[in-house]
Amino acid sequence: MYRHFPCEYEEYFYLEHSKKRHKKSIFDAHNFLTFDYNTHIYTLLMPSLQHYKQQFFDDNLTDTYIQEFHAFKRRSKIIKINKRFNNIVTFWEYLEDALRKYRGIPTKNFVYFLKECEFKYNHTRALAQELLIQKYFTTGQ
C-alpha cells in the first residue's frame, strides 16, 4: 500500500555573517533547497554564482546585477510550507549554529558540511553511530 507523507520545501540563501553587509558578497551566497519529507530534512545545493562574479564586475554593471538579483530572489522564491516556523526553519538554525563554530567553510567544502549537518539533524547520535558502523563493516574495508 502506498502511503503519502507530507512534503514541504523552501529555498535558502546562506551567507557568512561577516559578509552580509557587503552588497557584492551576494555572489558568494550558497543557495540550496531544503525539503522536509516525513520529518526528515534533505538538501539540494543549487549552482553557485561564483563562476560569474568576475564577469559581473568586469561589465561595470555590478550595482545593476545586484539589484536585479535581489529582485529575482523576491519574485522567484520556491516555497511550499504550511506554517512559518517548521522543521525546515529549525534545520536552518541548526546549520547556522554549526557554521558559526567554524567561522565559515571554504566554498569547495560547503556541500560536504551541508550534508553532514543534514545527516546529524536527521539521526540521533546513537542511531548515526550505528548506521556508520554498519556501513563501515558491510562495505568491505
Protein backbone atom coordinates (compact mmCIF):
# COMPACT_ATOMS: atom_id res chain seq x y z
CA MET A 1 0.00 0.00 0.00
CA TYR A 2 1.29 3.44 -0.93
CA ARG A 3 1.47 5.96 1.92
CA HIS A 4 1.54 9.66 1.26
CA PHE A 5 3.80 11.70 3.51
CA PRO A 6 3.54 15.47 3.61
CA CYS A 7 6.41 17.29 1.96
CA GLU A 8 7.37 20.90 2.47
CA TYR A 9 10.20 22.76 0.79
CA GLU A 10 11.79 26.15 0.79
CA GLU A 11 14.75 27.90 -0.76
CA TYR A 12 17.58 29.22 1.43
CA PHE A 13 20.49 31.56 0.83
CA TYR A 14 23.37 31.18 3.27
CA LEU A 15 25.90 33.96 3.50
CA GLU A 16 28.56 34.23 6.18
CA HIS A 17 27.65 36.77 8.84
CA SER A 18 30.77 38.84 8.17
CA LYS A 19 29.78 39.27 4.50
CA LYS A 20 26.11 40.19 4.98
CA ARG A 21 26.76 43.95 4.98
CA HIS A 22 28.65 43.98 1.68
CA LYS A 23 26.44 44.16 -1.41
CA LYS A 24 28.94 42.39 -3.65
CA SER A 25 29.02 39.40 -1.32
CA ILE A 26 25.66 38.24 -2.65
CA PHE A 27 27.63 36.36 -5.30
CA ASP A 28 29.28 34.33 -2.51
CA ALA A 29 25.97 33.07 -1.10
CA HIS A 30 25.20 29.36 -1.04
CA ASN A 31 21.73 28.74 -2.43
CA PHE A 32 20.01 25.46 -1.67
CA LEU A 33 16.59 23.89 -1.49
CA THR A 34 15.54 22.27 1.76
CA PHE A 35 12.90 19.54 1.77
CA ASP A 36 11.05 18.21 4.80
CA TYR A 37 9.74 14.78 3.87
CA ASN A 38 8.24 12.65 6.62
CA THR A 39 10.08 14.74 9.28
CA HIS A 40 13.47 14.16 7.64
CA ILE A 41 15.42 17.03 6.09
CA TYR A 42 17.02 16.75 2.65
CA THR A 43 19.02 19.44 0.88
CA LEU A 44 19.89 20.13 -2.73
CA LEU A 45 22.67 22.63 -3.40
CA MET A 46 21.95 24.94 -6.33
CA PRO A 47 24.63 26.19 -8.77
CA SER A 48 26.90 28.91 -7.42
CA LEU A 49 27.12 32.43 -8.85
CA GLN A 50 30.86 32.39 -8.11
CA HIS A 51 31.61 31.40 -11.72
CA TYR A 52 30.05 34.64 -12.96
CA LYS A 53 31.28 37.01 -10.25
CA GLN A 54 34.28 38.36 -12.14
CA GLN A 55 32.26 38.84 -15.31
CA PHE A 56 29.71 40.89 -13.34
CA PHE A 57 32.47 43.14 -12.04
CA ASP A 58 34.22 43.41 -15.43
CA ASP A 59 31.00 44.67 -17.04
CA ASN A 60 30.98 47.67 -14.66
CA LEU A 61 27.32 46.92 -14.01
CA THR A 62 27.77 45.45 -10.55
CA ASP A 63 25.07 47.58 -8.90
CA THR A 64 22.60 46.72 -11.66
CA TYR A 65 23.33 42.99 -11.30
CA ILE A 66 22.96 43.17 -7.52
CA GLN A 67 19.61 44.98 -7.77
CA GLU A 68 18.33 42.50 -10.36
CA PHE A 69 19.48 39.53 -8.31
CA HIS A 70 17.69 40.81 -5.19
CA ALA A 71 14.53 41.43 -7.26
CA PHE A 72 14.82 37.92 -8.76
CA LYS A 73 15.13 36.39 -5.28
CA ARG A 74 11.89 38.09 -4.19
CA ARG A 75 9.93 37.15 -7.34
CA SER A 76 11.11 33.58 -7.83
CA LYS A 77 11.11 32.20 -4.29
CA ILE A 78 10.46 28.46 -4.32
CA ILE A 79 8.33 27.66 -1.33
CA LYS A 80 5.67 25.29 -0.09
CA ILE A 81 5.28 25.38 3.66
CA ASN A 82 2.22 25.19 5.90
CA LYS A 83 3.48 27.41 8.72
CA ARG A 84 6.28 29.92 9.16
CA PHE A 85 8.12 28.10 11.97
CA ASN A 86 8.64 24.48 10.95
CA ASN A 87 11.19 21.68 10.69
CA ILE A 88 12.94 23.42 7.79
CA VAL A 89 13.49 26.64 9.77
CA THR A 90 14.70 24.58 12.73
CA PHE A 91 17.25 22.87 10.44
CA TRP A 92 18.46 26.24 9.12
CA GLU A 93 19.05 27.43 12.68
CA TYR A 94 20.91 24.19 13.42
CA LEU A 95 23.06 24.71 10.30
CA GLU A 96 23.77 28.36 11.14
CA ASP A 97 24.87 27.39 14.68
CA ALA A 98 27.18 24.69 13.31
CA LEU A 99 28.68 27.08 10.75
CA ARG A 100 29.29 29.78 13.38
CA LYS A 101 31.60 27.39 15.26
CA TYR A 102 33.91 27.21 12.23
CA ARG A 103 33.62 30.89 11.21
CA GLY A 104 32.81 29.87 7.67
CA ILE A 105 33.52 26.92 5.43
CA PRO A 106 35.52 27.04 2.17
CA THR A 107 33.13 27.05 -0.81
CA LYS A 108 34.52 23.79 -2.18
CA ASN A 109 33.71 22.03 1.15
CA PHE A 110 30.32 23.61 1.79
CA VAL A 111 28.30 20.80 0.18
CA TYR A 112 30.02 18.20 2.41
CA PHE A 113 29.37 20.24 5.53
CA LEU A 114 25.74 20.75 4.49
CA LYS A 115 25.24 17.00 4.01
CA GLU A 116 26.97 16.23 7.31
CA CYS A 117 24.61 18.62 9.12
CA GLU A 118 21.67 17.08 7.30
CA PHE A 119 22.73 13.59 8.48
CA LYS A 120 23.30 14.70 12.08
CA TYR A 121 19.99 16.57 12.16
CA ASN A 122 18.02 13.58 10.86
CA HIS A 123 19.52 10.98 13.21
CA THR A 124 20.12 10.73 16.92
CA ARG A 125 23.75 10.35 17.89
CA ALA A 126 23.24 6.66 18.76
CA LEU A 127 21.45 5.87 15.50
CA ALA A 128 24.03 7.79 13.47
CA GLN A 129 26.83 5.83 15.14
CA GLU A 130 25.01 2.55 14.48
CA LEU A 131 24.44 3.42 10.81
CA LEU A 132 28.07 4.45 10.30
CA ILE A 133 29.40 1.29 11.94
CA GLN A 134 27.02 -0.85 9.91
CA LYS A 135 28.07 0.92 6.70
CA TYR A 136 31.76 0.59 7.54
CA PHE A 137 31.57 -3.16 8.19
CA THR A 138 29.32 -4.01 5.23
CA THR A 139 31.27 -2.17 2.53
CA GLY A 140 34.34 -4.34 2.89
CA GLN A 141 37.34 -2.45 4.15
